[in-house]
Amino acid sequence: DLKKLPAHFAGRKWSRDLIAKFPPGCDPCGENGEIH
């Protein structure tokens, strides 16, 4: 969801390192639709 994360997260493998780059308030599981 581009309102919550930049496009370059798409196509990336979900990992601890990637989750650490999520902005504050962004659910690491994407429960609010941040990611699928």
All heavy atoms as atom14 arrays in JSON, in Angstrom:
{
  "sequence": "DLKKLPAHFAGRKWSRDLIAKFPPGCDPCGENGEIH",
  "atom14_mask": [
    [1, 1, 1, 1, 1, 1, 1, 1, 0, 0, 0, 0, 0, 0],
    [1, 1, 1, 1, 1, 1, 1, 1, 0, 0, 0, 0, 0, 0],
    [1, 1, 1, 1, 1, 1, 1, 1, 1, 0, 0, 0, 0, 0],
    [1, 1, 1, 1, 1, 1, 1, 1, 1, 0, 0, 0, 0, 0],
    [1, 1, 1, 1, 1, 1, 1, 1, 0, 0, 0, 0, 0, 0],
    [1, 1, 1, 1, 1, 1, 1, 0, 0, 0, 0, 0, 0, 0],
    [1, 1, 1, 1, 1, 0, 0, 0, 0, 0, 0, 0, 0, 0],
    [1, 1, 1, 1, 1, 1, 1, 1, 1, 1, 0, 0, 0, 0],
    [1, 1, 1, 1, 1, 1, 1, 1, 1, 1, 1, 0, 0, 0],
    [1, 1, 1, 1, 1, 0, 0, 0, 0, 0, 0, 0, 0, 0],
    [1, 1, 1, 1, 0, 0, 0, 0, 0, 0, 0, 0, 0, 0],
    [1, 1, 1, 1, 1, 1, 1, 1, 1, 1, 1, 0, 0, 0],
    [1, 1, 1, 1, 1, 1, 1, 1, 1, 0, 0, 0, 0, 0],
    [1, 1, 1, 1, 1, 1, 1, 1, 1, 1, 1, 1, 1, 1],
    [1, 1, 1, 1, 1, 1, 0, 0, 0, 0, 0, 0, 0, 0],
    [1, 1, 1, 1, 1, 1, 1, 1, 1, 1, 1, 0, 0, 0],
    [1, 1, 1, 1, 1, 1, 1, 1, 0, 0, 0, 0, 0, 0],
    [1, 1, 1, 1, 1, 1, 1, 1, 0, 0, 0, 0, 0, 0],
    [1, 1, 1, 1, 1, 1, 1, 1, 0, 0, 0, 0, 0, 0],
    [1, 1, 1, 1, 1, 0, 0, 0, 0, 0, 0, 0, 0, 0],
    [1, 1, 1, 1, 1, 1, 1, 1, 1, 0, 0, 0, 0, 0],
    [1, 1, 1, 1, 1, 1, 1, 1, 1, 1, 1, 0, 0, 0],
    [1, 1, 1, 1, 1, 1, 1, 0, 0, 0, 0, 0, 0, 0],
    [1, 1, 1, 1, 1, 1, 1, 0, 0, 0, 0, 0, 0, 0],
    [1, 1, 1, 1, 0, 0, 0, 0, 0, 0, 0, 0, 0, 0],
    [1, 1, 1, 1, 1, 1, 0, 0, 0, 0, 0, 0, 0, 0],
    [1, 1, 1, 1, 1, 1, 1, 1, 0, 0, 0, 0, 0, 0],
    [1, 1, 1, 1, 1, 1, 1, 0, 0, 0, 0, 0, 0, 0],
    [1, 1, 1, 1, 1, 1, 0, 0, 0, 0, 0, 0, 0, 0],
    [1, 1, 1, 1, 0, 0, 0, 0, 0, 0, 0, 0, 0, 0],
    [1, 1, 1, 1, 1, 1, 1, 1, 1, 0, 0, 0, 0, 0],
    [1, 1, 1, 1, 1, 1, 1, 1, 0, 0, 0, 0, 0, 0],
    [1, 1, 1, 1, 0, 0, 0, 0, 0, 0, 0, 0, 0, 0],
    [1, 1, 1, 1, 1, 1, 1, 1, 1, 0, 0, 0, 0, 0],
    [1, 1, 1, 1, 1, 1, 1, 1, 0, 0, 0, 0, 0, 0],
    [1, 1, 1, 1, 1, 1, 1, 1, 1, 1, 0, 0, 0, 0]
  ],
  "atom14_positions": [
    [[0.86, -1.18, 0.0], [0.0, 0.0, 0.0], [0.9, 1.23, 0.0], [1.63, 1.48, 0.97], [-0.9, -0.01, 1.24], [-1.9, 1.14, 1.27], [-1.71, 2.14, 0.55], [-2.86, 1.04, 2.04], [0.0, 0.0, 0.0], [0.0, 0.0, 0.0], [0.0, 0.0, 0.0], [0.0, 0.0, 0.0], [0.0, 0.0, 0.0], [0.0, 0.0, 0.0]],
    [[0.87, 2.0, -1.08], [1.81, 3.12, -1.24], [1.52, 4.27, -0.28], [2.36, 5.16, -0.13], [1.79, 3.6, -2.69], [2.32, 2.59, -3.7], [2.13, 3.1, -5.11], [3.79, 2.26, -3.42], [0.0, 0.0, 0.0], [0.0, 0.0, 0.0], [0.0, 0.0, 0.0], [0.0, 0.0, 0.0], [0.0, 0.0, 0.0], [0.0, 0.0, 0.0]],
    [[0.4, 4.24, 0.38], [0.14, 5.25, 1.42], [0.92, 4.94, 2.69], [1.08, 5.81, 3.55], [-1.36, 5.31, 1.74], [-2.25, 5.77, 0.59], [-3.68, 6.01, 1.03], [-4.34, 4.75, 1.55], [-4.5, 3.7, 0.48], [0.0, 0.0, 0.0], [0.0, 0.0, 0.0], [0.0, 0.0, 0.0], [0.0, 0.0, 0.0], [0.0, 0.0, 0.0]],
    [[1.41, 3.71, 2.79], [2.06, 3.28, 4.03], [3.52, 2.87, 3.86], [4.31, 2.93, 4.81], [1.26, 2.11, 4.63], [-0.18, 2.51, 4.96], [-1.02, 1.35, 5.4], [-2.44, 1.8, 5.71], [-3.32, 0.69, 6.11], [0.0, 0.0, 0.0], [0.0, 0.0, 0.0], [0.0, 0.0, 0.0], [0.0, 0.0, 0.0], [0.0, 0.0, 0.0]],
    [[3.89, 2.46, 2.65], [5.26, 2.03, 2.39], [5.64, 2.42, 0.96], [4.79, 2.44, 0.08], [5.4, 0.51, 2.53], [5.45, -0.1, 3.95], [5.31, -1.6, 3.86], [6.75, 0.27, 4.64], [0.0, 0.0, 0.0], [0.0, 0.0, 0.0], [0.0, 0.0, 0.0], [0.0, 0.0, 0.0], [0.0, 0.0, 0.0], [0.0, 0.0, 0.0]],
    [[6.93, 2.67, 0.72], [7.36, 2.96, -0.66], [7.36, 1.7, -1.52], [7.44, 0.57, -1.01], [8.77, 3.51, -0.48], [9.23, 3.02, 0.86], [8.01, 2.88, 1.71], [0.0, 0.0, 0.0], [0.0, 0.0, 0.0], [0.0, 0.0, 0.0], [0.0, 0.0, 0.0], [0.0, 0.0, 0.0], [0.0, 0.0, 0.0], [0.0, 0.0, 0.0]],
    [[7.32, 1.9, -2.82], [7.17, 0.8, -3.78], [8.31, -0.19, -3.73], [8.14, -1.37, -4.08], [7.03, 1.38, -5.19], [0.0, 0.0, 0.0], [0.0, 0.0, 0.0], [0.0, 0.0, 0.0], [0.0, 0.0, 0.0], [0.0, 0.0, 0.0], [0.0, 0.0, 0.0], [0.0, 0.0, 0.0], [0.0, 0.0, 0.0], [0.0, 0.0, 0.0]],
    [[9.51, 0.25, -3.33], [10.67, -0.66, -3.41], [10.58, -1.83, -2.43], [11.38, -2.76, -2.52], [11.98, 0.11, -3.2], [12.16, 0.73, -1.85], [12.51, 0.0, -0.75], [12.04, 2.01, -1.44], [12.6, 0.8, 0.31], [12.32, 2.03, -0.08], [0.0, 0.0, 0.0], [0.0, 0.0, 0.0], [0.0, 0.0, 0.0], [0.0, 0.0, 0.0]],
    [[9.61, -1.82, -1.52], [9.42, -2.97, -0.64], [8.78, -4.14, -1.39], [8.92, -5.3, -0.97], [8.57, -2.6, 0.58], [9.33, -1.9, 1.66], [9.45, -0.52, 1.66], [9.95, -2.6, 2.68], [10.15, 0.14, 2.65], [10.67, -1.96, 3.68], [10.78, -0.58, 3.66], [0.0, 0.0, 0.0], [0.0, 0.0, 0.0], [0.0, 0.0, 0.0]],
    [[8.05, -3.87, -2.45], [7.42, -4.94, -3.23], [8.49, -5.8, -3.9], [9.47, -5.29, -4.46], [6.49, -4.35, -4.28], [0.0, 0.0, 0.0], [0.0, 0.0, 0.0], [0.0, 0.0, 0.0], [0.0, 0.0, 0.0], [0.0, 0.0, 0.0], [0.0, 0.0, 0.0], [0.0, 0.0, 0.0], [0.0, 0.0, 0.0], [0.0, 0.0, 0.0]],
    [[8.3, -7.1, -3.82], [9.25, -8.04, -4.42], [10.37, -8.46, -3.49], [11.15, -9.35, -3.83], [0.0, 0.0, 0.0], [0.0, 0.0, 0.0], [0.0, 0.0, 0.0], [0.0, 0.0, 0.0], [0.0, 0.0, 0.0], [0.0, 0.0, 0.0], [0.0, 0.0, 0.0], [0.0, 0.0, 0.0], [0.0, 0.0, 0.0], [0.0, 0.0, 0.0]],
    [[10.43, -7.86, -2.31], [11.49, -8.19, -1.34], [11.08, -9.38, -0.48], [9.9, -9.57, -0.18], [11.78, -6.98, -0.44], [12.19, -5.72, -1.18], [13.64, -5.74, -1.6], [14.53, -5.85, -0.45], [14.88, -4.8, 0.33], [14.41, -3.59, 0.07], [15.71, -4.98, 1.34], [0.0, 0.0, 0.0], [0.0, 0.0, 0.0], [0.0, 0.0, 0.0]],
    [[12.07, -10.14, -0.05], [11.8, -11.24, 0.87], [11.54, -10.66, 2.27], [12.29, -9.81, 2.75], [12.95, -12.24, 0.91], [12.64, -13.49, 1.72], [13.76, -14.53, 1.64], [13.73, -15.27, 0.33], [14.65, -16.44, 0.34], [0.0, 0.0, 0.0], [0.0, 0.0, 0.0], [0.0, 0.0, 0.0], [0.0, 0.0, 0.0], [0.0, 0.0, 0.0]],
    [[10.48, -11.11, 2.9], [10.1, -10.67, 4.24], [11.1, -11.24, 5.25], [11.32, -12.45, 5.29], [8.69, -11.17, 4.53], [8.03, -10.72, 5.79], [7.54, -9.48, 6.07], [7.72, -11.52, 6.93], [6.95, -9.45, 7.32], [7.05, -10.71, 7.87], [7.95, -12.86, 7.26], [6.6, -11.18, 9.1], [7.5, -13.35, 8.48], [6.84, -12.5, 9.39]],
    [[11.75, -10.37, 6.01], [12.82, -10.8, 6.92], [12.92, -9.83, 8.09], [12.3, -8.75, 8.08], [14.16, -10.82, 6.17], [14.52, -9.5, 5.79], [0.0, 0.0, 0.0], [0.0, 0.0, 0.0], [0.0, 0.0, 0.0], [0.0, 0.0, 0.0], [0.0, 0.0, 0.0], [0.0, 0.0, 0.0], [0.0, 0.0, 0.0], [0.0, 0.0, 0.0]],
    [[13.71, -10.21, 9.07], [13.92, -9.31, 10.21], [14.53, -7.98, 9.74], [14.15, -6.91, 10.21], [14.82, -9.97, 11.25], [14.18, -11.16, 11.97], [15.13, -11.75, 13.01], [14.58, -12.93, 13.65], [14.72, -14.17, 13.18], [15.4, -14.38, 12.05], [14.19, -15.19, 13.82], [0.0, 0.0, 0.0], [0.0, 0.0, 0.0], [0.0, 0.0, 0.0]],
    [[15.53, -8.08, 8.85], [16.19, -6.87, 8.38], [15.22, -5.96, 7.63], [15.26, -4.73, 7.79], [17.36, -7.23, 7.46], [18.54, -7.83, 8.21], [18.58, -7.68, 9.46], [19.41, -8.44, 7.57], [0.0, 0.0, 0.0], [0.0, 0.0, 0.0], [0.0, 0.0, 0.0], [0.0, 0.0, 0.0], [0.0, 0.0, 0.0], [0.0, 0.0, 0.0]],
    [[14.35, -6.56, 6.82], [13.39, -5.75, 6.07], [12.36, -5.12, 7.0], [12.03, -3.93, 6.86], [12.7, -6.6, 5.02], [11.87, -5.82, 3.99], [12.79, -4.95, 3.12], [11.04, -6.76, 3.12], [0.0, 0.0, 0.0], [0.0, 0.0, 0.0], [0.0, 0.0, 0.0], [0.0, 0.0, 0.0], [0.0, 0.0, 0.0], [0.0, 0.0, 0.0]],
    [[11.87, -5.89, 7.96], [10.89, -5.38, 8.92], [11.46, -4.2, 9.7], [10.76, -3.23, 10.01], [10.43, -6.5, 9.87], [9.58, -7.53, 9.11], [9.63, -5.94, 11.05], [9.34, -8.81, 9.87], [0.0, 0.0, 0.0], [0.0, 0.0, 0.0], [0.0, 0.0, 0.0], [0.0, 0.0, 0.0], [0.0, 0.0, 0.0], [0.0, 0.0, 0.0]],
    [[12.76, -4.25, 10.0], [13.41, -3.17, 10.74], [13.4, -1.86, 9.97], [13.54, -0.78, 10.56], [14.84, -3.56, 11.08], [0.0, 0.0, 0.0], [0.0, 0.0, 0.0], [0.0, 0.0, 0.0], [0.0, 0.0, 0.0], [0.0, 0.0, 0.0], [0.0, 0.0, 0.0], [0.0, 0.0, 0.0], [0.0, 0.0, 0.0], [0.0, 0.0, 0.0]],
    [[13.18, -1.94, 8.66], [13.14, -0.73, 7.82], [11.72, -0.19, 7.64], [11.55, 0.86, 7.01], [13.75, -1.05, 6.45], [15.23, -1.42, 6.53], [15.77, -1.87, 5.18], [17.22, -2.34, 5.31], [17.75, -2.89, 4.05], [0.0, 0.0, 0.0], [0.0, 0.0, 0.0], [0.0, 0.0, 0.0], [0.0, 0.0, 0.0], [0.0, 0.0, 0.0]],
    [[10.72, -0.89, 8.18], [9.36, -0.39, 8.11], [9.25, 0.9, 8.92], [9.85, 1.01, 10.0], [8.37, -1.4, 8.68], [8.06, -2.58, 7.78], [8.8, -2.84, 6.65], [7.0, -3.42, 8.08], [8.52, -3.93, 5.83], [6.69, -4.51, 7.28], [7.46, -4.77, 6.15], [0.0, 0.0, 0.0], [0.0, 0.0, 0.0], [0.0, 0.0, 0.0]],
    [[8.48, 1.87, 8.46], [8.3, 3.1, 9.24], [7.51, 2.84, 10.52], [6.8, 1.83, 10.62], [7.51, 4.01, 8.29], [6.86, 3.09, 7.32], [7.77, 1.91, 7.17], [0.0, 0.0, 0.0], [0.0, 0.0, 0.0], [0.0, 0.0, 0.0], [0.0, 0.0, 0.0], [0.0, 0.0, 0.0], [0.0, 0.0, 0.0], [0.0, 0.0, 0.0]],
    [[7.63, 3.72, 11.52], [6.89, 3.55, 12.77], [5.38, 3.42, 12.5], [4.83, 4.1, 11.63], [7.19, 4.84, 13.54], [8.49, 5.31, 12.98], [8.48, 4.93, 11.53], [0.0, 0.0, 0.0], [0.0, 0.0, 0.0], [0.0, 0.0, 0.0], [0.0, 0.0, 0.0], [0.0, 0.0, 0.0], [0.0, 0.0, 0.0], [0.0, 0.0, 0.0]],
    [[4.76, 2.52, 13.25], [3.32, 2.33, 13.12], [2.92, 1.36, 12.03], [1.73, 1.06, 11.86], [0.0, 0.0, 0.0], [0.0, 0.0, 0.0], [0.0, 0.0, 0.0], [0.0, 0.0, 0.0], [0.0, 0.0, 0.0], [0.0, 0.0, 0.0], [0.0, 0.0, 0.0], [0.0, 0.0, 0.0], [0.0, 0.0, 0.0], [0.0, 0.0, 0.0]],
    [[3.88, 0.86, 11.27], [3.59, -0.08, 10.19], [3.62, -1.51, 10.75], [4.64, -1.94, 11.3], [4.62, 0.07, 9.08], [4.23, -0.82, 7.58], [0.0, 0.0, 0.0], [0.0, 0.0, 0.0], [0.0, 0.0, 0.0], [0.0, 0.0, 0.0], [0.0, 0.0, 0.0], [0.0, 0.0, 0.0], [0.0, 0.0, 0.0], [0.0, 0.0, 0.0]],
    [[2.52, -2.22, 10.65], [2.43, -3.56, 11.21], [3.35, -4.51, 10.44], [3.24, -4.61, 9.21], [0.99, -4.06, 11.14], [0.76, -5.36, 11.89], [1.36, -6.39, 11.51], [-0.01, -5.37, 12.85], [0.0, 0.0, 0.0], [0.0, 0.0, 0.0], [0.0, 0.0, 0.0], [0.0, 0.0, 0.0], [0.0, 0.0, 0.0], [0.0, 0.0, 0.0]],
    [[4.25, -5.23, 11.12], [5.18, -6.11, 10.42], [4.51, -7.27, 9.7], [5.07, -7.85, 8.77], [6.12, -6.61, 11.53], [5.36, -6.41, 12.8], [4.5, -5.21, 12.58], [0.0, 0.0, 0.0], [0.0, 0.0, 0.0], [0.0, 0.0, 0.0], [0.0, 0.0, 0.0], [0.0, 0.0, 0.0], [0.0, 0.0, 0.0], [0.0, 0.0, 0.0]],
    [[3.29, -7.62, 10.15], [2.53, -8.66, 9.47], [1.6, -8.09, 8.4], [0.93, -8.85, 7.69], [1.72, -9.47, 10.48], [2.66, -10.76, 11.32], [0.0, 0.0, 0.0], [0.0, 0.0, 0.0], [0.0, 0.0, 0.0], [0.0, 0.0, 0.0], [0.0, 0.0, 0.0], [0.0, 0.0, 0.0], [0.0, 0.0, 0.0], [0.0, 0.0, 0.0]],
    [[1.51, -6.77, 8.32], [0.64, -6.15, 7.33], [-0.83, -6.34, 7.61], [-1.66, -6.33, 6.7], [0.0, 0.0, 0.0], [0.0, 0.0, 0.0], [0.0, 0.0, 0.0], [0.0, 0.0, 0.0], [0.0, 0.0, 0.0], [0.0, 0.0, 0.0], [0.0, 0.0, 0.0], [0.0, 0.0, 0.0], [0.0, 0.0, 0.0], [0.0, 0.0, 0.0]],
    [[-1.19, -6.46, 8.88], [-2.59, -6.72, 9.24], [-3.52, -5.59, 8.82], [-4.7, -5.8, 8.57], [-2.69, -6.97, 10.76], [-4.07, -7.35, 11.26], [-4.49, -8.78, 10.92], [-3.81, -9.43, 10.12], [-5.51, -9.22, 11.45], [0.0, 0.0, 0.0], [0.0, 0.0, 0.0], [0.0, 0.0, 0.0], [0.0, 0.0, 0.0], [0.0, 0.0, 0.0]],
    [[-2.99, -4.38, 8.72], [-3.8, -3.23, 8.31], [-3.69, -2.97, 6.8], [-4.05, -1.9, 6.33], [-3.37, -1.99, 9.07], [-3.59, -2.14, 10.56], [-4.71, -2.32, 11.02], [-2.52, -2.07, 11.34], [0.0, 0.0, 0.0], [0.0, 0.0, 0.0], [0.0, 0.0, 0.0], [0.0, 0.0, 0.0], [0.0, 0.0, 0.0], [0.0, 0.0, 0.0]],
    [[-3.19, -3.95, 6.07], [-3.1, -3.82, 4.61], [-1.82, -3.21, 4.1], [-1.7, -2.91, 2.91], [0.0, 0.0, 0.0], [0.0, 0.0, 0.0], [0.0, 0.0, 0.0], [0.0, 0.0, 0.0], [0.0, 0.0, 0.0], [0.0, 0.0, 0.0], [0.0, 0.0, 0.0], [0.0, 0.0, 0.0], [0.0, 0.0, 0.0], [0.0, 0.0, 0.0]],
    [[-0.83, -2.99, 5.0], [0.43, -2.39, 4.58], [1.11, -3.22, 3.49], [1.64, -2.69, 2.51], [1.38, -2.26, 5.77], [0.93, -1.3, 6.85], [0.16, -2.0, 7.96], [-0.4, -3.1, 7.73], [0.12, -1.44, 9.08], [0.0, 0.0, 0.0], [0.0, 0.0, 0.0], [0.0, 0.0, 0.0], [0.0, 0.0, 0.0], [0.0, 0.0, 0.0]],
    [[1.11, -4.54, 3.7], [1.72, -5.46, 2.74], [0.85, -6.7, 2.6], [0.05, -7.03, 3.48], [3.14, -5.91, 3.19], [3.08, -6.64, 4.55], [4.11, -4.74, 3.23], [4.37, -7.34, 4.95], [0.0, 0.0, 0.0], [0.0, 0.0, 0.0], [0.0, 0.0, 0.0], [0.0, 0.0, 0.0], [0.0, 0.0, 0.0], [0.0, 0.0, 0.0]],
    [[1.04, -7.39, 1.47], [0.52, -8.74, 1.29], [1.68, -9.59, 0.81], [2.63, -9.08, 0.19], [-0.64, -8.76, 0.3], [-1.82, -7.97, 0.76], [-2.66, -8.38, 1.78], [-2.31, -6.78, 0.35], [-3.61, -7.49, 1.96], [-3.42, -6.5, 1.12], [0.0, 0.0, 0.0], [0.0, 0.0, 0.0], [0.0, 0.0, 0.0], [0.0, 0.0, 0.0]]
  ]
}
